[in-house]
């Protein structure tokens, strides 16, 4: 059965919840569409987080990121949405998401989002 993109982020129990440690991901093939022109936007999405009770399962993260491929969205909106969805799924102690978008119209955009557990 072929895999298809979806927005369900699956998790598993943190194997070492007694300590702080960082998990980092880099997705250099992220794509979405410019909501103004419909042209593709390409980015590297960087995610770093300190888990609390849960960790994100990697295949679900891949399918989640893939789900944006045909969606028109601004760089700021998609980076914040990724952060919000990860916070909702994981409730991490700390989360950082960076959307490093390729040059478009002579302008390079980098959007950085941070979340700290209260």
C-alpha atoms as a PDB file:
ATOM      1  CA  UNK A   1       0.000   0.000   0.000  1.00  0.00           C
ATOM      2  CA  UNK A   2       1.498   3.369  -0.971  1.00  0.00           C
ATOM      3  CA  UNK A   3       2.000   5.982   1.696  1.00  0.00           C
ATOM      4  CA  UNK A   4       0.066   9.211   1.423  1.00  0.00           C
ATOM      5  CA  UNK A   5       0.582  12.568   3.122  1.00  0.00           C
ATOM      6  CA  UNK A   6      -1.481  13.312   6.221  1.00  0.00           C
ATOM      7  CA  UNK A   7      -1.538  15.652   9.210  1.00  0.00           C
ATOM      8  CA  UNK A   8      -1.624  13.025  11.974  1.00  0.00           C
ATOM      9  CA  UNK A   9       1.490  13.268  14.125  1.00  0.00           C
ATOM     10  CA  UNK A  10       2.022   9.979  15.934  1.00  0.00           C
ATOM     11  CA  UNK A  11       4.001   9.768  19.152  1.00  0.00           C
ATOM     12  CA  UNK A  12       5.647   7.218  21.400  1.00  0.00           C
ATOM     13  CA  UNK A  13       6.643   7.375  25.095  1.00  0.00           C
ATOM     14  CA  UNK A  14       9.883   9.184  25.858  1.00  0.00           C
ATOM     15  CA  UNK A  15      12.346   6.431  26.822  1.00  0.00           C
ATOM     16  CA  UNK A  16      14.222   8.787  29.198  1.00  0.00           C
ATOM     17  CA  UNK A  17      11.747  11.305  30.660  1.00  0.00           C
ATOM     18  CA  UNK A  18      13.911  11.779  33.750  1.00  0.00           C
ATOM     19  CA  UNK A  19      16.461  13.898  31.838  1.00  0.00           C
ATOM     20  CA  UNK A  20      16.544  16.767  29.398  1.00  0.00           C
ATOM     21  CA  UNK A  21      17.984  15.892  26.001  1.00  0.00           C
ATOM     22  CA  UNK A  22      17.529  17.423  22.578  1.00  0.00           C
ATOM     23  CA  UNK A  23      16.175  15.739  19.456  1.00  0.00           C
ATOM     24  CA  UNK A  24      16.915  17.477  16.144  1.00  0.00           C
ATOM     25  CA  UNK A  25      15.499  16.923  12.659  1.00  0.00           C
ATOM     26  CA  UNK A  26      16.282  18.560   9.336  1.00  0.00           C
ATOM     27  CA  UNK A  27      13.929  18.226   6.353  1.00  0.00           C
ATOM     28  CA  UNK A  28      15.696  19.783   3.332  1.00  0.00           C
ATOM     29  CA  UNK A  29      12.970  18.884   0.814  1.00  0.00           C
ATOM     30  CA  UNK A  30       9.982  20.763   2.285  1.00  0.00           C
ATOM     31  CA  UNK A  31       7.636  22.302  -0.270  1.00  0.00           C
ATOM     32  CA  UNK A  32       4.444  24.307  -0.194  1.00  0.00           C
ATOM     33  CA  UNK A  33       2.814  26.759  -2.588  1.00  0.00           C
ATOM     34  CA  UNK A  34       2.923  30.551  -2.604  1.00  0.00           C
ATOM     35  CA  UNK A  35      -0.646  31.637  -1.805  1.00  0.00           C
ATOM     36  CA  UNK A  36      -0.295  34.649  -4.111  1.00  0.00           C
ATOM     37  CA  UNK A  37       1.116  33.024  -7.262  1.00  0.00           C
ATOM     38  CA  UNK A  38       0.610  29.286  -6.808  1.00  0.00           C
ATOM     39  CA  UNK A  39       4.322  28.799  -7.511  1.00  0.00           C
ATOM     40  CA  UNK A  40       6.197  26.219  -5.407  1.00  0.00           C
ATOM     41  CA  UNK A  41       8.196  27.385  -2.396  1.00  0.00           C
ATOM     42  CA  UNK A  42      11.102  25.241  -1.232  1.00  0.00           C
ATOM     43  CA  UNK A  43      12.567  25.209   2.262  1.00  0.00           C
ATOM     44  CA  UNK A  44      14.608  23.367   4.801  1.00  0.00           C
ATOM     45  CA  UNK A  45      12.588  22.836   7.962  1.00  0.00           C
ATOM     46  CA  UNK A  46      14.685  22.421  11.106  1.00  0.00           C
ATOM     47  CA  UNK A  47      13.078  21.102  14.279  1.00  0.00           C
ATOM     48  CA  UNK A  48      14.721  20.812  17.690  1.00  0.00           C
ATOM     49  CA  UNK A  49      12.923  19.835  20.848  1.00  0.00           C
ATOM     50  CA  UNK A  50      13.399  18.622  24.395  1.00  0.00           C
ATOM     51  CA  UNK A  51      10.741  15.967  24.952  1.00  0.00           C
ATOM     52  CA  UNK A  52       8.676  15.616  28.078  1.00  0.00           C
ATOM     53  CA  UNK A  53       6.464  12.504  28.103  1.00  0.00           C
ATOM     54  CA  UNK A  54       6.288  11.952  24.312  1.00  0.00           C
ATOM     55  CA  UNK A  55       8.488  11.841  21.218  1.00  0.00           C
ATOM     56  CA  UNK A  56       7.341  12.209  17.610  1.00  0.00           C
ATOM     57  CA  UNK A  57       7.477   9.155  15.339  1.00  0.00           C
ATOM     58  CA  UNK A  58       9.614   9.963  12.275  1.00  0.00           C
ATOM     59  CA  UNK A  59       7.495   8.464   9.489  1.00  0.00           C
ATOM     60  CA  UNK A  60       4.450  10.385  10.708  1.00  0.00           C
ATOM     61  CA  UNK A  61       6.567  13.562  10.761  1.00  0.00           C
ATOM     62  CA  UNK A  62       7.658  12.906   7.174  1.00  0.00           C
ATOM     63  CA  UNK A  63       4.061  12.377   6.028  1.00  0.00           C
ATOM     64  CA  UNK A  64       2.967  15.448   7.987  1.00  0.00           C
ATOM     65  CA  UNK A  65       5.535  17.685   6.291  1.00  0.00           C
ATOM     66  CA  UNK A  66       4.666  16.166   2.911  1.00  0.00           C
ATOM     67  CA  UNK A  67       1.018  17.180   3.442  1.00  0.00           C
ATOM     68  CA  UNK A  68       1.916  20.834   2.801  1.00  0.00           C
ATOM     69  CA  UNK A  69       3.161  20.175  -0.749  1.00  0.00           C
ATOM     70  CA  UNK A  70      -0.056  21.318  -2.465  1.00  0.00           C
ATOM     71  CA  UNK A  71      -1.159  23.910   0.106  1.00  0.00           C
ATOM     72  CA  UNK A  72      -0.929  27.634  -0.471  1.00  0.00           C
ATOM     73  CA  UNK A  73       0.501  29.209   2.661  1.00  0.00           C
ATOM     74  CA  UNK A  74       2.738  32.064   3.716  1.00  0.00           C
ATOM     75  CA  UNK A  75       6.167  31.199   5.146  1.00  0.00           C
ATOM     76  CA  UNK A  76       5.298  32.713   8.521  1.00  0.00           C
ATOM     77  CA  UNK A  77       1.999  30.847   8.731  1.00  0.00           C
ATOM     78  CA  UNK A  78       3.315  27.408   7.828  1.00  0.00           C
ATOM     79  CA  UNK A  79       6.304  27.620  10.190  1.00  0.00           C
ATOM     80  CA  UNK A  80       4.044  28.651  13.077  1.00  0.00           C
ATOM     81  CA  UNK A  81       1.490  25.961  12.205  1.00  0.00           C
ATOM     82  CA  UNK A  82       4.171  23.257  12.237  1.00  0.00           C
ATOM     83  CA  UNK A  83       5.303  24.499  15.667  1.00  0.00           C
ATOM     84  CA  UNK A  84       1.714  24.657  16.977  1.00  0.00           C
ATOM     85  CA  UNK A  85       0.910  21.143  15.759  1.00  0.00           C
ATOM     86  CA  UNK A  86       4.081  19.710  17.309  1.00  0.00           C
ATOM     87  CA  UNK A  87       3.395  21.469  20.614  1.00  0.00           C
ATOM     88  CA  UNK A  88      -0.166  20.100  20.623  1.00  0.00           C
ATOM     89  CA  UNK A  89       1.002  16.538  19.863  1.00  0.00           C
ATOM     90  CA  UNK A  90       4.085  16.425  22.102  1.00  0.00           C
ATOM     91  CA  UNK A  91       3.711  19.001  24.884  1.00  0.00           C
ATOM     92  CA  UNK A  92       7.531  19.308  24.834  1.00  0.00           C
ATOM     93  CA  UNK A  93       9.648  21.041  27.447  1.00  0.00           C
ATOM     94  CA  UNK A  94      11.150  23.114  24.618  1.00  0.00           C
ATOM     95  CA  UNK A  95      10.551  23.329  20.852  1.00  0.00           C
ATOM     96  CA  UNK A  96      12.252  25.293  18.079  1.00  0.00           C
ATOM     97  CA  UNK A  97      11.105  25.256  14.440  1.00  0.00           C
ATOM     98  CA  UNK A  98      12.945  27.066  11.673  1.00  0.00           C
ATOM     99  CA  UNK A  99      11.629  27.500   8.150  1.00  0.00           C
ATOM    100  CA  UNK A 100      14.617  28.348   5.949  1.00  0.00           C
ATOM    101  CA  UNK A 101      13.012  29.219   2.602  1.00  0.00           C
ATOM    102  CA  UNK A 102      14.925  29.434  -0.659  1.00  0.00           C
ATOM    103  CA  UNK A 103      15.293  32.742  -2.481  1.00  0.00           C
ATOM    104  CA  UNK A 104      12.075  33.877  -4.164  1.00  0.00           C
ATOM    105  CA  UNK A 105      11.853  37.168  -6.010  1.00  0.00           C
ATOM    106  CA  UNK A 106      15.338  38.054  -4.780  1.00  0.00           C
ATOM    107  CA  UNK A 107      14.406  37.640  -1.093  1.00  0.00           C
ATOM    108  CA  UNK A 108      15.407  34.814   1.236  1.00  0.00           C
ATOM    109  CA  UNK A 109      13.129  34.212   4.219  1.00  0.00           C
ATOM    110  CA  UNK A 110      13.972  32.505   7.512  1.00  0.00           C
ATOM    111  CA  UNK A 111      11.187  32.130  10.095  1.00  0.00           C
ATOM    112  CA  UNK A 112      12.105  30.987  13.624  1.00  0.00           C
ATOM    113  CA  UNK A 113       9.543  29.890  16.216  1.00  0.00           C
ATOM    114  CA  UNK A 114      10.258  28.954  19.857  1.00  0.00           C
ATOM    115  CA  UNK A 115       8.056  27.419  22.553  1.00  0.00           C
ATOM    116  CA  UNK A 116       8.890  26.798  26.187  1.00  0.00           C
ATOM    117  CA  UNK A 117       6.688  24.796  28.532  1.00  0.00           C
ATOM    118  CA  UNK A 118       5.329  27.022  31.276  1.00  0.00           C
END
